[in-house]
Amino acid sequence: MTAMNATPATADVRQHILDVAHPLLLRKGFTAVGLAEILSAAQVPKGSFYHYFGSKEAFGEAVLEAYFADYLGRMDELLAQPGTAAQRVSAYFHDWLDSQTGDEAQSRCLVVKLGAEVCDLSESMRAALARGTRGITDRLARCIEAGRADGSLAAPRDAAQVGAELYQNWLGASLLAKITRDRTPLDTAMASTRQLLGLVATA
């Protein structure tokens, strides 16, 4: 008979380490968080860590991949809701606004926190960021195209360019809101998003 305190499956332990590390990285960044702190928080021995991740760099790449998997899953849910494409894309940006002005550290954007730091440290982590952010802009572009098809959006340029511009605006606004500790940049991003997409006030 299997013991009640049997060791969790490998995938579960690996995910546990990633889950525990996520808020640490949001608070401190990648370089400032040492392996000892991660191991202590996760309550796993050093040998176990290297069983799941070959290096801290490989671990950082895995953290980013897990973050984007969750983020894109949430984005897919928002962009698959009933209603027009304008209503769906508006729900996505309202969700972004709420996540960046919430009290929970886990609501903050890992791209804002780690983007500039790790791109100069690790090519594999930079590539993970590039893949993840491309997933975001691709989804925005598809929603914008759908908005043109259903007549709810009136973006004047090609959808891919508009999707990339919107993401850049919101990423920059999130960074400025973090610097200033003021939500005004995010409110400005929302206003410019409505103008760019031709969203009506009730969308």
Protein backbone atom coordinates (compact mmCIF):
# COMPACT_ATOMS: atom_id res chain seq x y z
CA MET A 1 0.00 0.00 0.00
CA THR A 2 1.33 3.46 -0.91
CA ALA A 3 2.27 5.63 2.07
CA MET A 4 0.24 8.77 2.64
CA ASN A 5 3.43 10.89 2.66
CA ALA A 6 4.87 9.47 -0.55
CA THR A 7 7.17 11.73 -2.56
CA PRO A 8 5.18 13.82 -5.08
CA ALA A 9 5.58 13.08 -8.76
CA THR A 10 8.52 14.72 -10.51
CA ALA A 11 6.32 17.13 -12.44
CA ASP A 12 4.60 18.21 -9.22
CA VAL A 13 7.88 18.97 -7.42
CA ARG A 14 9.21 20.85 -10.43
CA GLN A 15 6.03 22.93 -10.62
CA HIS A 16 6.16 23.54 -6.87
CA ILE A 17 9.65 25.03 -7.20
CA LEU A 18 8.48 27.27 -10.04
CA ASP A 19 5.39 28.37 -8.10
CA VAL A 20 7.41 29.23 -5.00
CA ALA A 21 10.04 31.11 -6.97
CA HIS A 22 7.60 33.26 -8.93
CA PRO A 23 6.75 35.74 -6.13
CA LEU A 24 10.42 35.86 -5.07
CA LEU A 25 11.44 36.91 -8.57
CA LEU A 26 8.63 39.46 -8.74
CA ARG A 27 9.88 41.07 -5.54
CA LYS A 28 13.64 40.90 -6.04
CA GLY A 29 14.43 40.16 -9.67
CA PHE A 30 16.44 37.27 -11.09
CA THR A 31 19.99 38.14 -10.05
CA ALA A 32 19.18 39.07 -6.45
CA VAL A 33 17.41 35.78 -5.72
CA GLY A 34 19.94 33.08 -4.91
CA LEU A 35 19.44 29.36 -5.23
CA ALA A 36 19.67 28.96 -1.46
CA GLU A 37 16.67 31.25 -1.00
CA ILE A 38 14.66 29.38 -3.62
CA LEU A 39 15.55 26.00 -2.12
CA SER A 40 14.68 27.15 1.38
CA ALA A 41 11.33 28.57 0.29
CA ALA A 42 10.49 25.42 -1.68
CA GLN A 43 11.87 23.12 1.05
CA VAL A 44 13.76 20.95 -1.40
CA PRO A 45 17.43 19.87 -1.22
CA LYS A 46 20.01 21.29 -3.59
CA GLY A 47 20.41 17.98 -5.34
CA SER A 48 16.72 17.89 -6.13
CA PHE A 49 16.91 21.33 -7.72
CA TYR A 50 19.60 20.21 -10.14
CA HIS A 51 17.57 17.11 -10.94
CA TYR A 52 14.84 19.36 -12.37
CA PHE A 53 16.94 22.26 -13.67
CA GLY A 54 20.46 21.97 -15.03
CA SER A 55 21.40 25.51 -14.00
CA LYS A 56 19.93 28.72 -12.63
CA GLU A 57 19.67 29.94 -16.22
CA ALA A 58 17.65 26.86 -17.20
CA PHE A 59 15.50 27.46 -14.14
CA GLY A 60 14.91 31.08 -15.18
CA GLU A 61 13.86 29.97 -18.64
CA ALA A 62 11.42 27.48 -17.08
CA VAL A 63 9.97 30.19 -14.83
CA LEU A 64 9.31 32.40 -17.85
CA GLU A 65 7.79 29.54 -19.85
CA ALA A 66 5.46 28.67 -16.96
CA TYR A 67 4.51 32.33 -16.55
CA PHE A 68 3.62 32.71 -20.21
CA ALA A 69 1.71 29.42 -20.27
CA ASP A 70 -0.51 30.74 -17.48
CA TYR A 71 -0.73 34.23 -18.95
CA LEU A 72 -1.64 33.07 -22.45
CA GLY A 73 -4.18 30.65 -21.03
CA ARG A 74 -5.86 33.51 -19.20
CA MET A 75 -5.68 35.65 -22.33
CA ASP A 76 -7.30 32.90 -24.40
CA GLU A 77 -10.17 32.71 -21.89
CA LEU A 78 -10.76 36.46 -22.09
CA LEU A 79 -10.58 36.57 -25.88
CA ALA A 80 -12.96 33.61 -26.23
CA GLN A 81 -15.79 35.16 -24.24
CA PRO A 82 -19.19 35.75 -25.87
CA GLY A 83 -19.72 39.10 -27.55
CA THR A 84 -18.01 41.19 -30.19
CA ALA A 85 -14.27 41.30 -30.69
CA ALA A 86 -14.34 44.85 -29.33
CA GLN A 87 -15.88 43.60 -26.09
CA ARG A 88 -13.33 40.77 -25.83
CA VAL A 89 -10.25 42.92 -26.41
CA SER A 90 -11.63 45.54 -24.02
CA ALA A 91 -12.05 42.82 -21.37
CA TYR A 92 -8.41 41.82 -21.87
CA PHE A 93 -7.08 45.34 -21.34
CA HIS A 94 -9.35 45.91 -18.35
CA ASP A 95 -7.96 42.69 -16.89
CA TRP A 96 -4.43 44.02 -17.47
CA LEU A 97 -5.33 47.29 -15.77
CA ASP A 98 -6.79 45.44 -12.78
CA SER A 99 -3.78 43.14 -12.48
CA GLN A 100 -1.32 46.01 -12.42
CA THR A 101 -3.22 48.06 -9.86
CA GLY A 102 -4.04 45.19 -7.50
CA ASP A 103 -2.48 44.68 -4.08
CA GLU A 104 -1.15 41.16 -4.69
CA ALA A 105 2.49 40.83 -5.76
CA GLN A 106 1.51 37.88 -7.97
CA SER A 107 -0.58 40.24 -10.10
CA ARG A 108 2.47 42.10 -11.35
CA CYS A 109 3.95 41.57 -14.80
CA LEU A 110 7.01 39.33 -14.85
CA VAL A 111 8.03 40.80 -18.21
CA VAL A 112 8.22 44.26 -16.65
CA LYS A 113 10.20 42.94 -13.69
CA LEU A 114 12.71 40.73 -15.53
CA GLY A 115 12.74 41.86 -19.16
CA ALA A 116 15.59 44.35 -19.18
CA GLU A 117 17.56 42.45 -16.54
CA VAL A 118 17.73 38.98 -18.04
CA CYS A 119 18.00 39.82 -21.74
CA ASP A 120 21.61 40.87 -21.19
CA LEU A 121 22.35 37.87 -18.96
CA SER A 122 20.92 34.91 -20.82
CA GLU A 123 20.15 34.25 -24.47
CA SER A 124 17.80 31.39 -23.58
CA MET A 125 15.81 33.61 -21.20
CA ARG A 126 15.70 36.40 -23.78
CA ALA A 127 14.36 33.89 -26.31
CA ALA A 128 11.71 32.71 -23.83
CA LEU A 129 10.60 36.32 -23.37
CA ALA A 130 10.51 36.82 -27.13
CA ARG A 131 8.38 33.70 -27.66
CA GLY A 132 5.99 34.65 -24.90
CA THR A 133 5.50 38.25 -25.95
CA ARG A 134 5.03 37.14 -29.56
CA GLY A 135 2.22 34.90 -28.34
CA ILE A 136 0.55 37.93 -26.79
CA THR A 137 0.84 40.18 -29.84
CA ASP A 138 -0.31 37.37 -32.17
CA ARG A 139 -3.47 36.92 -30.11
CA LEU A 140 -4.13 40.64 -30.11
CA ALA A 141 -3.70 40.73 -33.89
CA ARG A 142 -6.20 37.89 -34.37
CA CYS A 143 -8.75 39.62 -32.15
CA ILE A 144 -8.30 42.88 -34.07
CA GLU A 145 -8.85 41.03 -37.36
CA ALA A 146 -12.00 39.50 -35.89
CA GLY A 147 -13.13 42.99 -34.88
CA ARG A 148 -12.78 44.19 -38.42
CA ALA A 149 -14.79 41.21 -39.62
CA ASP A 150 -17.66 41.78 -37.18
CA GLY A 151 -17.54 45.56 -37.56
CA SER A 152 -16.85 46.29 -33.90
CA LEU A 153 -13.29 47.61 -34.33
CA ALA A 154 -12.01 50.31 -36.65
CA ALA A 155 -8.22 50.07 -36.30
CA PRO A 156 -6.76 51.88 -39.33
CA ARG A 157 -3.60 49.81 -39.92
CA ASP A 158 -2.65 46.17 -40.27
CA ALA A 159 -3.62 44.05 -37.29
CA ALA A 160 -0.13 42.76 -36.51
CA GLN A 161 1.28 46.27 -36.30
CA VAL A 162 -1.58 47.48 -34.13
CA GLY A 163 -1.28 44.47 -31.82
CA ALA A 164 2.45 45.08 -31.37
CA GLU A 165 1.89 48.81 -30.77
CA LEU A 166 -0.76 48.15 -28.14
CA TYR A 167 1.45 45.70 -26.28
CA GLN A 168 4.38 48.11 -26.37
CA ASN A 169 2.17 50.89 -25.02
CA TRP A 170 0.86 48.78 -22.16
CA LEU A 171 4.26 47.34 -21.29
CA GLY A 172 5.72 50.83 -21.11
CA ALA A 173 2.75 52.08 -19.10
CA SER A 174 3.15 49.21 -16.63
CA LEU A 175 6.81 50.09 -16.16
CA LEU A 176 6.04 53.78 -15.64
CA ALA A 177 3.26 52.95 -13.19
CA LYS A 178 5.78 50.86 -11.24
CA ILE A 179 8.33 53.70 -11.25
CA THR A 180 5.88 56.41 -10.27
CA ARG A 181 3.62 54.25 -8.08
CA ASP A 182 0.76 55.91 -9.88
CA ARG A 183 -1.84 54.32 -12.15
CA THR A 184 -2.04 57.35 -14.46
CA PRO A 185 0.18 55.79 -17.17
CA LEU A 186 -2.16 52.78 -17.29
CA ASP A 187 -5.23 54.97 -17.55
CA THR A 188 -3.51 56.85 -20.38
CA ALA A 189 -2.77 53.54 -22.11
CA MET A 190 -6.44 52.60 -21.86
CA ALA A 191 -7.52 55.91 -23.38
CA SER A 192 -5.05 55.60 -26.25
CA THR A 193 -6.13 51.98 -26.82
CA ARG A 194 -9.75 53.07 -27.19
CA GLN A 195 -8.73 55.78 -29.63
CA LEU A 196 -6.48 53.50 -31.69
CA LEU A 197 -9.10 50.76 -31.99
CA GLY A 198 -12.11 53.04 -32.31
CA LEU A 199 -13.69 51.56 -29.19
CA VAL A 200 -16.87 53.23 -27.98
CA ALA A 201 -17.02 54.25 -24.33
CA THR A 202 -19.24 51.30 -23.40
CA ALA A 203 -17.09 48.60 -25.05
